[in-house]
N, C-alpha and C. Protein backbone atom coordinates (compact mmCIF):
# COMPACT_ATOMS: atom_id res chain seq x y z
N MET A 1 55.72 -38.96 101.44
CA MET A 1 54.54 -40.22 101.61
C MET A 1 53.80 -39.27 101.87
N THR A 2 52.10 -40.18 101.42
CA THR A 2 50.79 -39.36 101.67
C THR A 2 50.29 -39.50 102.88
N VAL A 3 49.14 -38.56 103.53
CA VAL A 3 48.66 -38.81 104.38
C VAL A 3 47.84 -40.22 104.83
N ARG A 4 47.64 -40.18 103.43
CA ARG A 4 47.02 -42.19 103.19
C ARG A 4 47.83 -43.01 104.12
N SER A 5 48.88 -43.18 103.75
CA SER A 5 49.93 -43.65 103.69
C SER A 5 50.10 -43.55 105.26
N ARG A 6 50.65 -42.43 105.45
CA ARG A 6 50.84 -42.43 106.95
C ARG A 6 50.38 -42.59 108.04
N ARG A 7 48.83 -42.18 107.79
CA ARG A 7 47.39 -43.05 108.36
C ARG A 7 47.92 -44.94 108.25
N THR A 8 48.02 -45.50 107.65
CA THR A 8 48.27 -46.32 107.45
C THR A 8 49.26 -47.53 108.40
N THR A 9 50.43 -46.94 107.76
CA THR A 9 52.05 -46.74 108.61
C THR A 9 51.48 -46.48 110.24
N LEU A 10 51.29 -45.40 110.53
CA LEU A 10 50.66 -45.39 112.42
C LEU A 10 49.25 -46.59 112.65
N GLN A 11 49.01 -47.06 111.80
CA GLN A 11 48.34 -48.49 112.29
C GLN A 11 48.93 -49.62 112.31
N ALA A 12 49.71 -49.66 111.70
CA ALA A 12 50.58 -50.80 111.49
C ALA A 12 51.12 -50.56 113.09
N ARG A 13 51.85 -49.28 112.33
CA ARG A 13 52.59 -49.26 114.41
C ARG A 13 52.12 -49.95 115.96
N ALA A 14 50.62 -49.15 115.88
CA ALA A 14 49.70 -49.32 116.62
C ALA A 14 49.51 -50.61 117.10
N ASP A 15 49.03 -51.49 115.63
CA ASP A 15 48.77 -52.98 115.55
C ASP A 15 49.96 -53.48 116.55
N LEU A 16 51.21 -53.29 115.97
CA LEU A 16 53.05 -54.21 116.73
C LEU A 16 52.54 -54.06 117.91
N GLN A 17 52.35 -52.51 118.50
CA GLN A 17 52.37 -51.96 119.98
C GLN A 17 51.31 -52.66 120.82
N ALA A 18 50.32 -53.36 120.18
CA ALA A 18 48.98 -53.78 120.86
C ALA A 18 50.11 -55.68 120.94
N LYS A 19 50.51 -55.52 120.04
CA LYS A 19 51.05 -57.00 119.88
C LYS A 19 51.38 -57.31 121.51
N ARG A 20 52.59 -56.33 121.66
CA ARG A 20 53.31 -56.51 123.10
C ARG A 20 52.79 -56.50 124.04
N SER A 21 51.78 -56.36 124.20
CA SER A 21 50.66 -56.97 125.82
C SER A 21 49.86 -57.95 125.42
N SER A 22 49.60 -58.75 126.39
CA SER A 22 48.59 -59.72 126.32
C SER A 22 47.44 -59.71 127.39
N ASP A 23 47.24 -58.44 127.91
CA ASP A 23 46.32 -57.71 129.11
C ASP A 23 44.94 -58.05 128.29
N SER A 24 44.02 -59.06 129.14
CA SER A 24 43.19 -59.03 128.63
C SER A 24 42.03 -58.05 128.50
N THR A 25 42.17 -56.99 129.99
CA THR A 25 41.77 -56.34 130.08
C THR A 25 41.83 -54.67 129.77
N ARG A 26 42.41 -54.75 128.51
CA ARG A 26 42.82 -53.57 127.53
C ARG A 26 41.07 -53.23 126.50
N HIS A 27 41.27 -52.10 126.79
CA HIS A 27 39.65 -51.76 125.66
C HIS A 27 40.51 -51.65 124.31
N LYS A 28 39.57 -51.58 123.73
CA LYS A 28 39.73 -51.01 122.02
C LYS A 28 39.30 -49.48 121.76
N CYS A 29 40.48 -48.44 121.24
CA CYS A 29 40.19 -47.01 121.81
C CYS A 29 40.63 -46.48 120.52
N PHE A 30 39.27 -45.49 120.05
CA PHE A 30 40.41 -45.11 118.29
C PHE A 30 40.69 -43.74 118.83
N VAL A 31 41.99 -43.53 118.10
CA VAL A 31 42.04 -42.28 118.50
C VAL A 31 42.04 -41.18 117.26
N SER A 32 41.35 -40.43 117.86
CA SER A 32 41.11 -38.90 117.19
C SER A 32 41.96 -38.31 117.12
N TYR A 33 42.97 -38.01 115.79
CA TYR A 33 43.85 -36.59 116.07
C TYR A 33 44.08 -35.77 114.65
N HIS A 34 44.22 -34.55 114.45
CA HIS A 34 45.10 -33.89 113.32
C HIS A 34 46.20 -34.23 112.85
N VAL A 35 46.45 -34.56 111.57
CA VAL A 35 47.48 -34.60 110.70
C VAL A 35 48.32 -34.00 111.08
N ALA A 36 48.25 -33.02 111.17
CA ALA A 36 49.87 -31.93 111.32
C ALA A 36 50.19 -32.35 112.56
N ASP A 37 49.64 -32.89 113.81
CA ASP A 37 50.13 -33.41 114.60
C ASP A 37 50.99 -34.51 114.73
N MET A 38 50.88 -35.78 113.84
CA MET A 38 51.05 -37.33 113.18
C MET A 38 52.80 -37.47 114.33
N ASP A 39 53.44 -36.76 114.08
CA ASP A 39 54.98 -37.24 115.01
C ASP A 39 54.62 -37.50 116.47
N GLU A 40 53.63 -36.50 117.04
CA GLU A 40 53.33 -36.57 118.34
C GLU A 40 52.28 -37.71 118.62
N VAL A 41 51.38 -37.55 117.74
CA VAL A 41 50.74 -38.72 117.89
C VAL A 41 51.70 -40.70 117.47
N GLU A 42 52.48 -40.65 116.33
CA GLU A 42 53.06 -41.83 116.71
C GLU A 42 53.91 -42.13 117.83
N LEU A 43 54.66 -41.07 118.37
CA LEU A 43 55.21 -40.74 119.42
C LEU A 43 54.12 -41.31 120.76
N PHE A 44 52.73 -41.33 121.51
CA PHE A 44 51.33 -41.43 121.93
C PHE A 44 51.89 -42.53 121.72
N ILE A 45 51.49 -42.87 120.72
CA ILE A 45 51.44 -45.53 120.16
C ILE A 45 52.35 -45.61 120.51
N ASP A 46 53.70 -45.19 119.85
CA ASP A 46 54.78 -45.89 121.11
C ASP A 46 55.08 -46.30 122.03
N ASP A 47 55.16 -45.14 123.42
CA ASP A 47 54.54 -45.44 124.00
C ASP A 47 53.47 -45.91 125.03
N TYR A 48 52.16 -45.52 124.57
CA TYR A 48 52.07 -46.02 125.45
C TYR A 48 50.21 -47.12 124.49
N GLY A 49 51.04 -48.14 123.11
CA GLY A 49 50.05 -48.45 121.83
C GLY A 49 49.98 -49.76 122.46
N SER A 50 50.70 -50.63 123.60
CA SER A 50 50.41 -51.67 124.48
C SER A 50 49.47 -51.66 125.37
N THR A 51 48.90 -50.80 125.78
CA THR A 51 48.43 -49.70 126.53
C THR A 51 46.64 -50.10 127.11
N PHE A 52 46.47 -50.58 125.08
CA PHE A 52 45.05 -49.92 124.40
C PHE A 52 45.12 -50.46 123.30
N ILE A 53 44.41 -50.80 122.42
CA ILE A 53 43.93 -51.66 121.02
C ILE A 53 43.94 -50.44 120.59
N ALA A 54 44.76 -49.54 120.05
CA ALA A 54 44.12 -48.49 119.06
C ALA A 54 43.62 -48.53 118.00
N ARG A 55 43.10 -47.91 117.43
CA ARG A 55 41.83 -48.13 116.24
C ARG A 55 42.54 -46.43 115.43
N CYS A 56 43.54 -45.74 114.31
CA CYS A 56 44.07 -44.94 114.06
C CYS A 56 43.68 -44.25 113.25
N VAL A 57 42.72 -45.23 112.18
CA VAL A 57 42.73 -44.88 110.59
C VAL A 57 41.23 -44.29 110.64
N GLY A 58 40.82 -42.88 110.75
CA GLY A 58 40.01 -42.33 110.54
C GLY A 58 38.95 -41.81 109.24
N VAL A 59 38.41 -40.27 109.34
CA VAL A 59 37.84 -40.31 107.88
C VAL A 59 38.70 -39.31 107.46
N THR A 60 39.11 -39.12 106.49
CA THR A 60 39.83 -38.64 105.31
C THR A 60 38.57 -38.05 103.99
N GLU A 61 39.18 -36.82 103.72
CA GLU A 61 38.66 -37.08 102.56
C GLU A 61 38.26 -38.11 101.16
N GLU A 62 39.02 -38.61 101.23
CA GLU A 62 38.51 -39.85 100.09
C GLU A 62 37.63 -41.06 100.51
N SER A 63 37.33 -40.66 102.07
CA SER A 63 36.15 -41.22 102.34
C SER A 63 34.78 -41.28 101.32
N ASP A 64 33.66 -42.14 101.35
CA ASP A 64 32.72 -41.94 100.29
C ASP A 64 31.68 -40.83 100.90
N PHE A 65 31.25 -40.60 101.47
CA PHE A 65 30.13 -40.05 102.75
C PHE A 65 30.70 -38.79 103.08
N VAL A 66 31.85 -37.98 102.50
CA VAL A 66 31.88 -36.69 102.99
C VAL A 66 31.31 -35.12 102.79
N ASP A 67 31.09 -36.05 100.95
CA ASP A 67 30.03 -34.94 100.66
C ASP A 67 28.32 -35.02 101.17
N SER A 68 28.14 -35.33 101.38
CA SER A 68 26.80 -35.60 101.98
C SER A 68 26.64 -34.98 102.84
N THR A 69 25.66 -34.26 102.81
CA THR A 69 23.77 -33.67 103.78
C THR A 69 23.79 -34.06 104.99
N ASP A 70 23.88 -35.31 104.49
CA ASP A 70 22.68 -35.79 106.03
C ASP A 70 23.49 -36.34 107.22
N GLU A 71 23.64 -35.64 108.03
CA GLU A 71 24.04 -35.57 109.30
C GLU A 71 24.58 -36.90 110.02
N GLU A 72 22.72 -37.60 110.12
CA GLU A 72 22.67 -39.03 110.61
C GLU A 72 23.44 -39.87 110.17
N TYR A 73 23.58 -40.43 108.95
CA TYR A 73 24.11 -41.10 107.84
C TYR A 73 25.27 -40.56 108.00
N ILE A 74 25.82 -39.77 107.88
CA ILE A 74 27.52 -39.04 108.32
C ILE A 74 28.16 -40.12 109.62
N LYS A 75 27.36 -39.81 110.42
CA LYS A 75 28.12 -40.19 111.66
C LYS A 75 28.04 -41.87 112.04
N ARG A 76 26.45 -42.16 111.14
CA ARG A 76 26.03 -43.84 111.59
C ARG A 76 27.13 -44.32 109.95
N ARG A 77 27.88 -43.46 109.45
CA ARG A 77 29.13 -44.50 108.71
C ARG A 77 30.56 -44.36 109.33
N ILE A 78 30.46 -43.37 110.30
CA ILE A 78 31.91 -43.44 110.55
C ILE A 78 31.51 -44.09 111.88
N ARG A 79 30.33 -44.41 112.42
CA ARG A 79 30.69 -45.36 113.74
C ARG A 79 30.58 -47.17 113.08
N GLU A 80 29.76 -46.99 112.02
CA GLU A 80 30.65 -48.39 111.42
C GLU A 80 31.40 -48.38 111.07
N ASP A 81 31.99 -47.11 110.09
CA ASP A 81 33.35 -47.59 109.01
C ASP A 81 34.62 -48.09 110.13
N TYR A 82 34.00 -46.77 110.81
CA TYR A 82 35.62 -46.15 112.15
C TYR A 82 35.71 -46.76 113.25
N LEU A 83 34.21 -46.79 114.22
CA LEU A 83 34.31 -46.89 115.96
C LEU A 83 33.89 -48.24 115.93
N THR A 84 33.50 -49.26 115.35
CA THR A 84 32.46 -50.20 115.21
C THR A 84 32.90 -51.26 116.39
N ASP A 85 34.16 -51.36 116.66
CA ASP A 85 34.49 -52.17 117.69
C ASP A 85 35.50 -51.28 118.97
N SER A 86 35.16 -49.97 118.95
CA SER A 86 35.67 -49.09 119.51
C SER A 86 35.09 -49.36 120.92
N THR A 87 35.55 -48.95 121.98
CA THR A 87 34.25 -48.76 123.29
C THR A 87 35.03 -47.54 123.93
N VAL A 88 36.31 -46.63 123.57
CA VAL A 88 36.62 -45.69 124.42
C VAL A 88 37.44 -44.89 122.80
N THR A 89 37.32 -43.41 122.96
CA THR A 89 37.52 -42.59 121.83
C THR A 89 38.41 -41.64 122.21
N ILE A 90 40.05 -41.65 122.16
CA ILE A 90 40.58 -40.23 123.09
C ILE A 90 41.21 -39.91 121.82
N VAL A 91 40.96 -38.55 121.55
CA VAL A 91 41.23 -37.04 121.10
C VAL A 91 42.56 -36.78 121.70
N LEU A 92 43.37 -36.41 120.52
CA LEU A 92 44.80 -36.33 121.18
C LEU A 92 44.69 -34.84 120.60
N LEU A 93 44.92 -33.37 121.22
CA LEU A 93 45.05 -32.07 121.06
C LEU A 93 46.30 -31.86 120.83
N GLY A 94 46.13 -31.13 119.98
CA GLY A 94 47.01 -30.34 119.56
C GLY A 94 46.90 -28.98 118.89
N LYS A 95 47.66 -28.20 118.29
CA LYS A 95 47.19 -26.50 118.20
C LYS A 95 46.49 -26.23 117.68
N CYS A 96 45.73 -27.01 116.55
CA CYS A 96 44.39 -26.59 115.17
C CYS A 96 43.34 -27.84 115.19
N THR A 97 43.85 -29.11 116.32
CA THR A 97 42.79 -29.62 115.95
C THR A 97 41.43 -29.24 116.51
N TRP A 98 40.92 -28.54 117.39
CA TRP A 98 39.78 -27.61 117.61
C TRP A 98 39.21 -27.46 116.68
N SER A 99 39.68 -26.62 115.58
CA SER A 99 39.93 -26.58 113.83
C SER A 99 38.67 -27.26 113.04
N ARG A 100 39.06 -28.64 113.76
CA ARG A 100 39.49 -30.14 111.95
C ARG A 100 37.52 -30.42 111.81
N LYS A 101 36.77 -30.37 111.04
CA LYS A 101 35.85 -30.83 111.05
C LYS A 101 35.59 -31.79 110.88
N PHE A 102 36.68 -33.36 110.53
CA PHE A 102 36.76 -34.69 110.75
C PHE A 102 37.06 -34.95 112.20
N VAL A 103 37.62 -33.77 112.77
CA VAL A 103 37.99 -34.67 114.47
C VAL A 103 36.11 -34.15 114.97
N ASP A 104 35.39 -32.95 114.83
CA ASP A 104 34.51 -32.85 115.35
C ASP A 104 33.17 -34.36 115.05
N TRP A 105 33.48 -34.51 113.49
CA TRP A 105 32.80 -35.69 113.34
C TRP A 105 32.82 -37.37 113.62
N GLU A 106 33.82 -37.64 114.08
CA GLU A 106 35.27 -38.03 115.11
C GLU A 106 34.09 -38.52 116.54
N ILE A 107 34.31 -37.16 117.03
CA ILE A 107 33.75 -37.36 118.06
C ILE A 107 31.94 -37.37 118.60
N SER A 108 31.45 -36.61 117.34
CA SER A 108 30.63 -36.77 117.24
C SER A 108 29.64 -38.53 117.21
N SER A 109 30.45 -38.61 116.21
CA SER A 109 29.85 -40.10 116.34
C SER A 109 30.64 -41.13 117.32
N SER A 110 30.65 -40.91 118.11
CA SER A 110 31.31 -41.26 119.02
C SER A 110 30.52 -41.64 120.04
N PHE A 111 29.69 -40.18 119.91
CA PHE A 111 28.54 -40.16 121.32
C PHE A 111 27.51 -40.99 120.35
N ARG A 112 27.35 -41.39 119.31
CA ARG A 112 25.70 -41.89 118.77
C ARG A 112 25.86 -43.38 119.46
N ASN A 113 24.92 -43.82 120.12
CA ASN A 113 23.97 -44.82 120.61
C ASN A 113 23.20 -45.57 120.03
N ASP A 114 23.22 -46.88 119.11
CA ASP A 114 22.54 -47.12 118.91
C ASP A 114 22.36 -48.35 118.80
N SER A 115 20.87 -49.55 118.47
CA SER A 115 21.04 -51.09 119.12
C SER A 115 22.28 -51.55 118.06
N ASN A 116 23.32 -51.31 117.03
CA ASN A 116 23.80 -51.87 116.76
C ASN A 116 25.50 -51.30 117.43
N ASN A 117 25.26 -50.35 117.77
CA ASN A 117 26.82 -49.88 118.45
C ASN A 117 26.95 -48.83 119.05
N LYS A 118 27.42 -49.40 120.96
CA LYS A 118 27.49 -48.58 121.68
C LYS A 118 28.09 -47.09 121.71
N ARG A 119 27.26 -46.27 122.41
CA ARG A 119 28.81 -44.96 122.27
C ARG A 119 29.73 -45.16 123.34
N SER A 120 30.48 -44.30 123.01
CA SER A 120 31.92 -44.38 123.49
C SER A 120 32.13 -44.02 124.68
N GLY A 121 33.03 -44.41 125.45
CA GLY A 121 33.44 -42.93 126.63
C GLY A 121 34.44 -42.21 125.82
N LEU A 122 34.72 -41.32 126.32
CA LEU A 122 35.69 -39.85 125.85
C LEU A 122 36.68 -39.92 126.79
N LEU A 123 37.82 -39.51 126.68
CA LEU A 123 39.17 -38.83 126.53
C LEU A 123 40.12 -37.81 125.59
N VAL A 124 40.57 -37.11 126.84
CA VAL A 124 40.53 -36.11 126.32
C VAL A 124 42.20 -35.32 126.94
N ILE A 125 43.06 -35.64 125.48
CA ILE A 125 44.45 -35.19 126.29
C ILE A 125 45.44 -34.44 125.09
N PRO A 126 45.84 -33.63 126.06
CA PRO A 126 46.60 -32.19 125.15
C PRO A 126 48.13 -32.65 124.59
N LEU A 127 48.98 -32.97 123.90
CA LEU A 127 50.02 -33.84 123.18
C LEU A 127 50.82 -32.66 124.05
N PRO A 128 52.01 -33.31 124.18
CA PRO A 128 52.73 -32.58 124.99
C PRO A 128 53.43 -31.34 124.45
N SER A 129 53.66 -30.83 123.12
CA SER A 129 53.47 -29.59 122.14
C SER A 129 52.75 -28.26 123.75
N MET A 130 51.45 -28.66 123.55
CA MET A 130 50.37 -27.79 123.95
C MET A 130 50.46 -27.53 125.22
N LYS A 131 52.03 -28.18 126.21
CA LYS A 131 51.81 -27.78 127.57
C LYS A 131 50.85 -27.27 128.25
N ASN A 132 49.80 -28.17 127.98
CA ASN A 132 48.51 -28.73 129.10
C ASN A 132 47.44 -27.48 128.56
N SER A 133 48.23 -26.81 127.86
CA SER A 133 46.81 -25.65 127.20
C SER A 133 46.09 -25.56 125.83
N ALA A 134 45.62 -26.67 125.52
CA ALA A 134 44.98 -26.77 124.12
C ALA A 134 43.80 -26.56 123.86
N ARG A 135 43.43 -25.38 123.32
CA ARG A 135 42.04 -25.00 122.62
C ARG A 135 41.23 -26.55 122.84
N LEU A 136 39.91 -26.51 123.23
CA LEU A 136 38.67 -27.55 122.82
C LEU A 136 38.02 -27.80 121.87
N PRO A 137 37.83 -28.88 121.50
CA PRO A 137 36.66 -28.50 120.11
C PRO A 137 35.59 -27.98 120.93
N ASP A 138 34.53 -27.57 120.28
CA ASP A 138 32.85 -27.10 121.01
C ASP A 138 32.06 -28.41 121.06
N ARG A 139 32.89 -29.26 120.18
CA ARG A 139 31.70 -30.90 120.87
C ARG A 139 32.14 -30.91 122.08
N ILE A 140 33.63 -31.00 122.38
CA ILE A 140 33.98 -31.88 123.99
C ILE A 140 34.00 -30.56 125.24
N LYS A 141 33.55 -29.06 124.42
CA LYS A 141 33.21 -28.08 125.53
C LYS A 141 31.78 -28.45 125.96
N ASP A 142 30.83 -28.67 125.22
CA ASP A 142 29.40 -29.56 125.39
C ASP A 142 29.49 -30.60 126.21
N ASN A 143 30.72 -31.11 126.07
CA ASN A 143 30.50 -32.32 127.11
C ASN A 143 31.69 -32.58 128.63
N TRP A 144 32.44 -31.60 128.64
CA TRP A 144 33.22 -31.12 129.65
C TRP A 144 33.26 -29.92 130.57
N VAL A 145 32.82 -30.24 132.22
CA VAL A 145 33.13 -28.72 132.89
C VAL A 145 34.29 -29.03 133.80
N GLU A 146 34.79 -27.70 133.22
CA GLU A 146 36.06 -27.59 134.03
C GLU A 146 36.29 -28.22 135.58
N ASN A 147 36.50 -29.57 136.22
CA ASN A 147 36.23 -29.07 137.79
C ASN A 147 35.32 -29.90 137.51
N ASP A 148 34.91 -30.08 137.73
CA ASP A 148 33.56 -30.76 137.53
C ASP A 148 33.29 -32.25 136.98
N THR A 149 34.30 -33.75 137.55
CA THR A 149 33.88 -34.96 136.43
C THR A 149 32.90 -35.61 136.79
N THR A 150 31.96 -34.94 137.57
CA THR A 150 30.53 -35.31 138.37
C THR A 150 29.72 -35.20 137.44
N ASN A 151 29.57 -33.72 136.35
CA ASN A 151 29.10 -33.47 135.86
C ASN A 151 29.53 -33.26 134.49
N SER A 152 30.31 -34.15 134.61
CA SER A 152 31.45 -34.13 132.52
C SER A 152 31.14 -35.42 132.02
N TYR A 153 30.88 -35.53 131.03
CA TYR A 153 30.51 -37.37 130.13
C TYR A 153 32.13 -37.27 130.13
N ALA A 154 32.68 -36.34 128.93
CA ALA A 154 34.38 -36.33 128.63
C ALA A 154 35.07 -35.81 129.90
N LEU A 155 36.48 -36.95 130.20
CA LEU A 155 37.48 -37.02 130.92
C LEU A 155 38.87 -36.30 129.84
N TYR A 156 39.25 -35.10 130.72
CA TYR A 156 40.26 -33.75 130.04
C TYR A 156 41.16 -34.49 131.13
N ASN A 157 42.34 -34.98 130.71
CA ASN A 157 43.30 -35.71 131.52
C ASN A 157 44.79 -34.38 130.79
N SER A 158 45.57 -34.41 131.78
CA SER A 158 46.97 -33.99 131.46
C SER A 158 47.85 -35.35 130.48
N TYR A 159 48.64 -35.05 129.33
CA TYR A 159 49.60 -36.10 128.98
C TYR A 159 50.45 -37.27 129.65
N PRO A 160 50.23 -38.45 129.69
CA PRO A 160 50.58 -39.24 130.25
C PRO A 160 51.82 -39.71 131.33
N THR A 161 52.01 -40.03 132.43
CA THR A 161 53.51 -40.22 132.45
C THR A 161 53.24 -41.89 132.69
N SER A 162 52.65 -42.47 132.69
CA SER A 162 52.56 -43.73 132.83
C SER A 162 51.50 -44.65 132.03
N SER A 163 52.05 -45.47 131.55
CA SER A 163 51.20 -46.69 131.74
C SER A 163 49.66 -47.55 132.45
N GLN A 164 50.41 -46.59 133.63
CA GLN A 164 49.02 -47.14 134.64
C GLN A 164 47.72 -45.80 134.86
N GLN A 165 48.91 -44.69 135.02
CA GLN A 165 47.55 -43.02 134.51
C GLN A 165 46.52 -44.06 133.22
N LEU A 166 47.59 -44.13 132.64
CA LEU A 166 46.47 -44.03 130.69
C LEU A 166 45.76 -44.87 131.30
N LYS A 167 46.28 -46.17 131.94
CA LYS A 167 45.27 -47.24 131.69
C LYS A 167 43.92 -46.38 132.58
N ARG A 168 44.18 -46.41 133.92
CA ARG A 168 43.09 -46.15 135.01
C ARG A 168 41.86 -45.10 134.22
N SER A 169 42.82 -44.47 133.22
CA SER A 169 41.57 -42.96 132.66
C SER A 169 40.99 -44.25 131.76
N ILE A 170 41.09 -44.92 131.13
CA ILE A 170 40.50 -44.73 129.88
C ILE A 170 39.67 -46.56 130.33
N LYS A 171 39.75 -46.94 131.76
CA LYS A 171 38.71 -47.21 132.47
C LYS A 171 37.72 -46.16 132.70
N ALA A 172 37.68 -45.16 133.23
CA ALA A 172 37.17 -44.38 133.82
C ALA A 172 36.51 -43.75 132.60
N VAL A 173 36.40 -43.89 131.51
CA VAL A 173 35.59 -42.80 130.39
C VAL A 173 34.55 -44.35 129.97
N PHE A 174 35.83 -45.28 130.09
CA PHE A 174 34.57 -47.01 129.72
C PHE A 174 33.65 -46.61 130.36
N ASP A 175 33.61 -46.85 131.49
CA ASP A 175 32.67 -46.73 132.78
C ASP A 175 31.65 -45.31 132.63
N SER A 176 32.40 -44.35 132.06
CA SER A 176 31.36 -43.86 132.10
C SER A 176 30.54 -43.56 130.85
N ARG A 177 30.45 -44.54 130.40
CA ARG A 177 29.32 -44.65 129.04
C ARG A 177 28.13 -44.92 129.55
N THR A 178 28.34 -45.95 130.79
CA THR A 178 27.00 -46.42 131.28
C THR A 178 26.36 -45.47 132.84
N THR A 179 27.42 -44.84 133.50
CA THR A 179 26.89 -44.02 134.31
C THR A 179 26.91 -42.99 134.20
N LYS A 180 27.13 -42.35 133.08
CA LYS A 180 26.84 -40.56 132.67
C LYS A 180 26.79 -40.69 131.16
N GLY A 181 25.72 -40.95 130.82
CA GLY A 181 25.39 -41.43 129.69
C GLY A 181 24.51 -40.05 129.38
N ASP A 182 23.39 -39.85 130.69
CA ASP A 182 22.88 -38.90 130.73
C ASP A 182 23.24 -37.26 130.94
N LYS A 183 24.69 -37.30 130.45
CA LYS A 183 25.63 -36.19 130.41
C LYS A 183 26.06 -35.32 128.79
N VAL A 184 26.02 -36.31 128.39
CA VAL A 184 26.11 -36.25 126.69
C VAL A 184 25.64 -35.46 126.15
N ASP A 185 26.16 -34.34 125.31
CA ASP A 185 25.31 -33.30 124.53
C ASP A 185 25.84 -33.84 123.49
N ASN A 186 24.90 -34.04 122.04
CA ASN A 186 25.26 -34.20 121.18
C ASN A 186 24.45 -33.49 119.85
N SER A 187 24.04 -32.23 120.38
CA SER A 187 23.08 -31.76 119.73
C SER A 187 23.39 -30.38 118.73
N ARG A 188 24.82 -30.25 118.69
CA ARG A 188 25.35 -29.36 118.19
C ARG A 188 25.38 -30.32 116.67
N SER A 189 25.38 -28.91 115.75
CA SER A 189 25.54 -29.68 114.03
C SER A 189 26.65 -29.75 114.20
N LEU A 190 27.55 -30.89 113.20
CA LEU A 190 28.49 -31.33 112.73
C LEU A 190 28.98 -30.06 111.88
N ARG A 191 30.17 -29.77 112.14
CA ARG A 191 31.03 -28.95 111.49
C ARG A 191 31.41 -28.90 109.78
N LYS A 192 31.03 -27.97 109.41
CA LYS A 192 30.99 -27.95 107.91
C LYS A 192 32.02 -28.00 107.52
N ARG A 193 33.29 -27.20 108.00
CA ARG A 193 34.63 -26.94 107.11
C ARG A 193 35.31 -27.17 108.42
N ASN A 194 36.74 -26.98 108.02
CA ASN A 194 37.59 -26.84 108.93
C ASN A 194 37.43 -25.07 108.60
N SER A 195 38.52 -24.46 109.91
CA SER A 195 38.59 -23.15 110.57
C SER A 195 39.99 -22.87 110.48
N SER A 196 39.79 -21.77 110.40
CA SER A 196 41.94 -21.26 109.91
C SER A 196 41.94 -21.24 111.57
N CYS A 197 43.84 -21.85 111.68
CA CYS A 197 44.08 -21.19 113.13
C CYS A 197 45.21 -20.64 113.22
């Protein structure tokens, strides 16, 4: 199965999970991840996909803007094409997530705040295989201060143990969009290439 078809299948799974709940307080969340972690991402969607409304298909090599050198154009296109109706971005951290340029681009685009698309809250969750010790992407490091939620825009949580726990975390980062907007640091240039992991 190709990466594209696996991502499409993941979105279909997410859509099925979302239909399992009619909770009107659920948020639309873009899920950012490294494709190498797809098995654990699928498990996350299967276990918690009814807690939020997931958007799981992001930037790929086939996206028509990936060769552009205009960072603002790239961020705008990602925001419009993939994140436009989401209010929260959930970054699922695996072993090599920190090194992926498209994950960096999706995080940066989540911070974009303009008249058409408002900034998203940012929730960072290490996948179970990481045992809560995943390496953070640099842009997350710019927006998270360990043991200091007051001065952090991003919220770093361990893998959820219940839907209620995840729902509270999503609500907290959703609220951060307005209460902590001044904490966002999106000044870093977009990652140009993947690093070896």
